[in-house]
Amino acid sequence: MNEEISVPLLIVVAVILISQSIFLFSNARKHGHNYWLWGILGLIQAPMPTLVYLYFVRKLWHKKK
């Protein structure tokens, strides 16, 4: 039950979370959304904040009329 998490895995996870947070922060700021909120949410978990942002806030997959 005492499993250790390897250092390279932690580095990869940190890079993914930081890059996701930077993307969400800069994109939300450019489009006038709550950029601090999206930047912080991007640091907490991956990939759900990005998917929620792209689907509900940016509405990328909605059909254009």
N, C-alpha and C. Protein backbone atom coordinates (compact mmCIF):
# COMPACT_ATOMS: atom_id res chain seq x y z
N MET A 1 0.81 -1.19 0.00
CA MET A 1 0.00 0.00 0.00
C MET A 1 0.85 1.26 0.00
N ASN A 2 2.10 1.14 0.30
CA ASN A 2 2.99 2.30 0.36
C ASN A 2 3.66 2.48 -1.00
N GLU A 3 2.93 3.05 -1.94
CA GLU A 3 3.45 3.24 -3.28
C GLU A 3 4.05 4.63 -3.42
N GLU A 4 5.21 4.68 -4.05
CA GLU A 4 5.86 5.97 -4.28
C GLU A 4 5.58 6.44 -5.70
N ILE A 5 5.40 7.73 -5.84
CA ILE A 5 5.20 8.32 -7.16
C ILE A 5 6.57 8.80 -7.64
N SER A 6 6.92 8.42 -8.85
CA SER A 6 8.24 8.76 -9.36
C SER A 6 8.35 10.25 -9.67
N VAL A 7 9.56 10.75 -9.59
CA VAL A 7 9.83 12.16 -9.84
C VAL A 7 9.54 12.55 -11.29
N PRO A 8 9.93 11.75 -12.29
CA PRO A 8 9.59 12.14 -13.67
C PRO A 8 8.08 12.25 -13.90
N LEU A 9 7.30 11.39 -13.27
CA LEU A 9 5.85 11.48 -13.40
C LEU A 9 5.32 12.78 -12.80
N LEU A 10 5.85 13.17 -11.66
CA LEU A 10 5.45 14.44 -11.04
C LEU A 10 5.80 15.63 -11.92
N ILE A 11 6.95 15.57 -12.57
CA ILE A 11 7.37 16.66 -13.45
C ILE A 11 6.44 16.75 -14.66
N VAL A 12 6.08 15.62 -15.24
CA VAL A 12 5.17 15.61 -16.39
C VAL A 12 3.80 16.16 -15.99
N VAL A 13 3.29 15.75 -14.85
CA VAL A 13 1.99 16.25 -14.38
C VAL A 13 2.06 17.75 -14.12
N ALA A 14 3.14 18.22 -13.52
CA ALA A 14 3.29 19.66 -13.25
C ALA A 14 3.34 20.46 -14.55
N VAL A 15 4.05 19.96 -15.55
CA VAL A 15 4.13 20.66 -16.84
C VAL A 15 2.76 20.70 -17.51
N ILE A 16 2.01 19.61 -17.46
CA ILE A 16 0.67 19.58 -18.05
C ILE A 16 -0.25 20.58 -17.36
N LEU A 17 -0.24 20.59 -16.04
CA LEU A 17 -1.13 21.49 -15.30
C LEU A 17 -0.77 22.96 -15.51
N ILE A 18 0.52 23.27 -15.51
CA ILE A 18 0.95 24.66 -15.70
C ILE A 18 0.65 25.13 -17.12
N SER A 19 0.90 24.28 -18.11
CA SER A 19 0.62 24.70 -19.48
C SER A 19 -0.89 24.86 -19.71
N GLN A 20 -1.70 23.99 -19.11
CA GLN A 20 -3.15 24.13 -19.22
C GLN A 20 -3.61 25.42 -18.55
N SER A 21 -3.05 25.73 -17.40
CA SER A 21 -3.43 26.95 -16.69
C SER A 21 -3.05 28.20 -17.48
N ILE A 22 -1.88 28.20 -18.08
CA ILE A 22 -1.45 29.34 -18.89
C ILE A 22 -2.35 29.50 -20.10
N PHE A 23 -2.70 28.40 -20.75
CA PHE A 23 -3.60 28.47 -21.91
C PHE A 23 -4.96 29.04 -21.51
N LEU A 24 -5.54 28.51 -20.44
CA LEU A 24 -6.86 28.98 -20.01
C LEU A 24 -6.82 30.44 -19.60
N PHE A 25 -5.79 30.84 -18.86
CA PHE A 25 -5.66 32.23 -18.41
C PHE A 25 -5.56 33.18 -19.59
N SER A 26 -4.66 32.89 -20.52
CA SER A 26 -4.45 33.81 -21.64
C SER A 26 -5.65 33.83 -22.59
N ASN A 27 -6.26 32.69 -22.83
CA ASN A 27 -7.41 32.64 -23.73
C ASN A 27 -8.62 33.33 -23.12
N ALA A 28 -8.87 33.11 -21.84
CA ALA A 28 -10.00 33.77 -21.18
C ALA A 28 -9.78 35.27 -21.09
N ARG A 29 -8.55 35.69 -20.90
CA ARG A 29 -8.26 37.12 -20.83
C ARG A 29 -8.47 37.78 -22.20
N LYS A 30 -8.07 37.08 -23.25
CA LYS A 30 -8.22 37.61 -24.60
C LYS A 30 -9.69 37.75 -24.99
N HIS A 31 -10.53 36.86 -24.49
CA HIS A 31 -11.94 36.86 -24.87
C HIS A 31 -12.85 37.50 -23.81
N GLY A 32 -12.27 38.09 -22.77
CA GLY A 32 -13.05 38.84 -21.80
C GLY A 32 -13.81 38.02 -20.78
N HIS A 33 -13.32 36.85 -20.43
CA HIS A 33 -13.97 36.02 -19.42
C HIS A 33 -13.20 36.15 -18.10
N ASN A 34 -13.65 35.47 -17.07
CA ASN A 34 -13.00 35.51 -15.76
C ASN A 34 -11.66 34.77 -15.82
N TYR A 35 -10.61 35.49 -16.22
CA TYR A 35 -9.34 34.81 -16.49
C TYR A 35 -8.66 34.27 -15.24
N TRP A 36 -8.80 34.94 -14.09
CA TRP A 36 -8.19 34.41 -12.87
C TRP A 36 -8.86 33.10 -12.46
N LEU A 37 -10.15 33.04 -12.57
CA LEU A 37 -10.87 31.81 -12.24
C LEU A 37 -10.41 30.65 -13.10
N TRP A 38 -10.33 30.87 -14.41
CA TRP A 38 -9.94 29.79 -15.31
C TRP A 38 -8.48 29.40 -15.13
N GLY A 39 -7.62 30.37 -14.82
CA GLY A 39 -6.22 30.06 -14.55
C GLY A 39 -6.05 29.19 -13.32
N ILE A 40 -6.79 29.50 -12.27
CA ILE A 40 -6.71 28.70 -11.04
C ILE A 40 -7.33 27.33 -11.24
N LEU A 41 -8.46 27.27 -11.92
CA LEU A 41 -9.07 25.97 -12.20
C LEU A 41 -8.16 25.08 -13.04
N GLY A 42 -7.38 25.69 -13.91
CA GLY A 42 -6.45 24.92 -14.73
C GLY A 42 -5.33 24.29 -13.94
N LEU A 43 -5.01 24.85 -12.77
CA LEU A 43 -3.96 24.28 -11.93
C LEU A 43 -4.44 23.11 -11.08
N ILE A 44 -5.73 22.97 -10.93
CA ILE A 44 -6.27 21.98 -10.01
C ILE A 44 -6.38 20.59 -10.64
N GLN A 45 -6.86 20.52 -11.86
CA GLN A 45 -7.16 19.23 -12.47
C GLN A 45 -6.99 19.33 -13.98
N ALA A 46 -6.71 18.21 -14.62
CA ALA A 46 -6.63 18.15 -16.08
C ALA A 46 -7.43 16.94 -16.53
N PRO A 47 -8.04 16.96 -17.64
CA PRO A 47 -8.29 17.98 -18.65
C PRO A 47 -9.67 18.62 -18.53
N MET A 48 -10.43 18.34 -17.49
CA MET A 48 -11.81 18.81 -17.38
C MET A 48 -11.96 20.33 -17.45
N PRO A 49 -11.14 21.14 -16.77
CA PRO A 49 -11.33 22.59 -16.90
C PRO A 49 -11.21 23.09 -18.34
N THR A 50 -10.30 22.52 -19.10
CA THR A 50 -10.14 22.93 -20.50
C THR A 50 -11.37 22.53 -21.32
N LEU A 51 -11.86 21.33 -21.11
CA LEU A 51 -13.04 20.88 -21.85
C LEU A 51 -14.27 21.70 -21.50
N VAL A 52 -14.45 21.99 -20.22
CA VAL A 52 -15.60 22.81 -19.79
C VAL A 52 -15.48 24.21 -20.36
N TYR A 53 -14.29 24.78 -20.32
CA TYR A 53 -14.08 26.12 -20.86
C TYR A 53 -14.39 26.16 -22.36
N LEU A 54 -13.86 25.21 -23.11
CA LEU A 54 -14.07 25.22 -24.55
C LEU A 54 -15.52 24.94 -24.93
N TYR A 55 -16.19 24.10 -24.18
CA TYR A 55 -17.56 23.74 -24.54
C TYR A 55 -18.59 24.76 -24.09
N PHE A 56 -18.52 25.18 -22.82
CA PHE A 56 -19.56 26.05 -22.28
C PHE A 56 -19.25 27.54 -22.40
N VAL A 57 -18.00 27.92 -22.26
CA VAL A 57 -17.66 29.35 -22.29
C VAL A 57 -17.40 29.81 -23.71
N ARG A 58 -16.54 29.13 -24.42
CA ARG A 58 -16.21 29.52 -25.80
C ARG A 58 -17.21 28.99 -26.81
N LYS A 59 -17.95 27.94 -26.46
CA LYS A 59 -18.98 27.33 -27.31
C LYS A 59 -18.44 26.95 -28.68
N LEU A 60 -17.32 26.23 -28.68
CA LEU A 60 -16.67 25.85 -29.94
C LEU A 60 -17.44 24.78 -30.70
N TRP A 61 -18.15 23.90 -30.00
CA TRP A 61 -18.81 22.80 -30.68
C TRP A 61 -20.28 23.07 -30.98
N HIS A 62 -20.76 24.25 -30.69
CA HIS A 62 -22.15 24.58 -31.00
C HIS A 62 -22.27 24.91 -32.49
N LYS A 63 -23.37 24.53 -33.07
CA LYS A 63 -23.58 24.81 -34.49
C LYS A 63 -23.86 26.29 -34.69
N LYS A 64 -23.23 26.85 -35.70
CA LYS A 64 -23.46 28.25 -36.02
C LYS A 64 -24.65 28.36 -36.97
N LYS A 65 -25.49 29.35 -36.72
CA LYS A 65 -26.68 29.53 -37.58
C LYS A 65 -26.44 30.61 -38.60
